[in-house]
Amino acid sequence: MSGRRKGELEQLVLAALWASTEPLAANDVRDSFDEPIPAVTTIITVLERLRSKGLVERTKAGTDSFRYSTTSDQSTLIADSMANALASSTNKSLALMNFTGQLSDEDRETLRLMLDARE
């Protein structure tokens, strides 16, 4: 697990949950991983951390087990993350300029069209 970047394990767990049409048990989430496959206790820890952040909810699935699902879809989570990052900036104009400067021409055009549609 030491070969993963910070936050990568959380993203992989979220990706497994988003890919499923129904809530998953920790073992199901674990089964979605390629090598290196983390221990199920690690998956449970990550799921509980995501739950404490409000990104995942759990439901009882028997006497000793839970099933997990996300509280929002991927695009909503990304939009919220972007809005939170911008809100924490001391120079929003510069942050937006740097962000849009990193976008592809296609992404800038999509953004332009969406902004025009909101007016």
Protein backbone atom coordinates (compact mmCIF):
# COMPACT_ATOMS: atom_id res chain seq x y z
CA MET A 1 0.00 0.00 0.00
CA SER A 2 2.96 2.33 0.42
CA GLY A 3 3.13 2.71 -3.39
CA ARG A 4 -0.12 4.69 -3.52
CA ARG A 5 -0.34 8.47 -3.55
CA LYS A 6 -2.09 10.28 -0.74
CA GLY A 7 -5.84 10.04 -1.19
CA GLU A 8 -5.59 7.42 -3.93
CA LEU A 9 -7.05 4.65 -1.78
CA GLU A 10 -10.09 6.80 -0.96
CA GLN A 11 -10.55 7.54 -4.66
CA LEU A 12 -10.33 3.85 -5.56
CA VAL A 13 -12.90 2.95 -2.91
CA LEU A 14 -15.23 5.69 -4.13
CA ALA A 15 -14.76 4.52 -7.73
CA ALA A 16 -15.78 0.98 -6.73
CA LEU A 17 -18.90 2.30 -5.02
CA TRP A 18 -19.83 4.55 -7.96
CA ALA A 19 -19.41 1.63 -10.38
CA SER A 20 -21.93 -0.46 -8.49
CA THR A 21 -25.69 -0.19 -8.83
CA GLU A 22 -26.18 -1.41 -5.26
CA PRO A 23 -24.45 -0.91 -1.89
CA LEU A 24 -21.29 -2.99 -1.41
CA ALA A 25 -19.79 -4.88 1.50
CA ALA A 26 -16.15 -4.15 2.33
CA ASN A 27 -15.12 -7.47 0.75
CA ASP A 28 -16.89 -6.50 -2.48
CA VAL A 29 -15.01 -3.21 -2.55
CA ARG A 30 -11.75 -5.08 -1.90
CA ASP A 31 -12.48 -7.48 -4.76
CA SER A 32 -12.55 -4.54 -7.18
CA PHE A 33 -8.87 -3.74 -6.54
CA ASP A 34 -5.91 -4.64 -8.71
CA GLU A 35 -2.56 -5.35 -7.11
CA PRO A 36 -1.60 -4.39 -4.51
CA ILE A 37 -4.84 -5.50 -2.88
CA PRO A 38 -5.30 -3.90 0.55
CA ALA A 39 -6.45 -5.85 3.58
CA VAL A 40 -10.18 -5.81 4.22
CA THR A 41 -9.50 -4.01 7.53
CA THR A 42 -7.84 -1.23 5.53
CA ILE A 43 -10.89 -1.02 3.26
CA ILE A 44 -13.18 -0.81 6.30
CA THR A 45 -11.02 1.97 7.77
CA VAL A 46 -11.20 3.92 4.51
CA LEU A 47 -14.97 3.38 4.25
CA GLU A 48 -15.45 4.64 7.81
CA ARG A 49 -13.27 7.69 7.14
CA LEU A 50 -15.31 8.45 4.04
CA ARG A 51 -18.46 7.99 6.13
CA SER A 52 -17.19 10.46 8.74
CA LYS A 53 -16.61 12.95 5.89
CA GLY A 54 -20.20 12.46 4.75
CA LEU A 55 -19.18 10.91 1.43
CA VAL A 56 -20.38 7.38 2.18
CA GLU A 57 -23.32 5.95 4.08
CA ARG A 58 -23.72 2.47 5.49
CA THR A 59 -26.68 0.21 6.00
CA LYS A 60 -26.94 -2.88 8.16
CA ALA A 61 -26.62 -6.07 6.12
CA GLY A 62 -26.99 -8.72 8.77
CA THR A 63 -25.94 -9.05 12.36
CA ASP A 64 -22.26 -8.20 11.92
CA SER A 65 -21.92 -6.58 8.52
CA PHE A 66 -22.63 -3.38 6.64
CA ARG A 67 -23.06 -2.35 3.04
CA TYR A 68 -21.76 0.99 1.81
CA SER A 69 -22.86 3.43 -0.87
CA THR A 70 -21.88 6.97 -1.81
CA THR A 71 -23.98 9.93 -0.76
CA SER A 72 -23.54 11.73 -4.09
CA ASP A 73 -22.45 11.00 -7.62
CA GLN A 74 -18.92 11.62 -8.85
CA SER A 75 -19.66 14.84 -10.74
CA THR A 76 -21.35 16.40 -7.69
CA LEU A 77 -18.40 15.49 -5.46
CA ILE A 78 -15.94 17.00 -7.95
CA ALA A 79 -18.02 20.17 -8.28
CA ASP A 80 -18.22 20.49 -4.48
CA SER A 81 -14.44 20.00 -4.17
CA MET A 82 -13.80 22.67 -6.78
CA ALA A 83 -16.20 25.10 -5.09
CA ASN A 84 -14.61 24.47 -1.68
CA ALA A 85 -11.11 24.99 -3.08
CA LEU A 86 -12.15 28.25 -4.70
CA ALA A 87 -13.90 29.42 -1.53
CA SER A 88 -10.68 28.90 0.43
CA SER A 89 -8.60 30.97 -1.99
CA THR A 90 -7.39 34.39 -0.93
CA ASN A 91 -7.27 35.43 -4.60
CA LYS A 92 -10.19 33.85 -6.45
CA SER A 93 -9.43 35.66 -9.72
CA LEU A 94 -5.89 34.28 -9.81
CA ALA A 95 -7.07 30.82 -8.83
CA LEU A 96 -9.67 30.84 -11.61
CA MET A 97 -7.13 32.15 -14.11
CA ASN A 98 -4.69 29.39 -13.20
CA PHE A 99 -7.44 26.77 -13.32
CA THR A 100 -8.80 27.80 -16.70
CA GLY A 101 -5.25 28.03 -18.03
CA GLN A 102 -4.89 24.31 -17.34
CA LEU A 103 -8.05 23.38 -19.26
CA SER A 104 -7.98 21.98 -22.75
CA ASP A 105 -9.50 24.03 -25.56
CA GLU A 106 -12.48 21.68 -25.55
CA ASP A 107 -13.01 22.09 -21.78
CA ARG A 108 -12.74 25.89 -22.05
CA GLU A 109 -15.35 25.87 -24.83
CA THR A 110 -17.65 23.68 -22.73
CA LEU A 111 -17.24 26.05 -19.79
CA ARG A 112 -17.90 29.06 -22.03
CA LEU A 113 -21.10 27.48 -23.39
CA MET A 114 -22.32 26.58 -19.90
CA LEU A 115 -21.66 30.08 -18.58
CA ASP A 116 -23.46 31.63 -21.57
CA ALA A 117 -26.45 29.33 -20.95
CA ARG A 118 -26.76 30.54 -17.35
CA GLU A 119 -27.18 34.19 -18.38
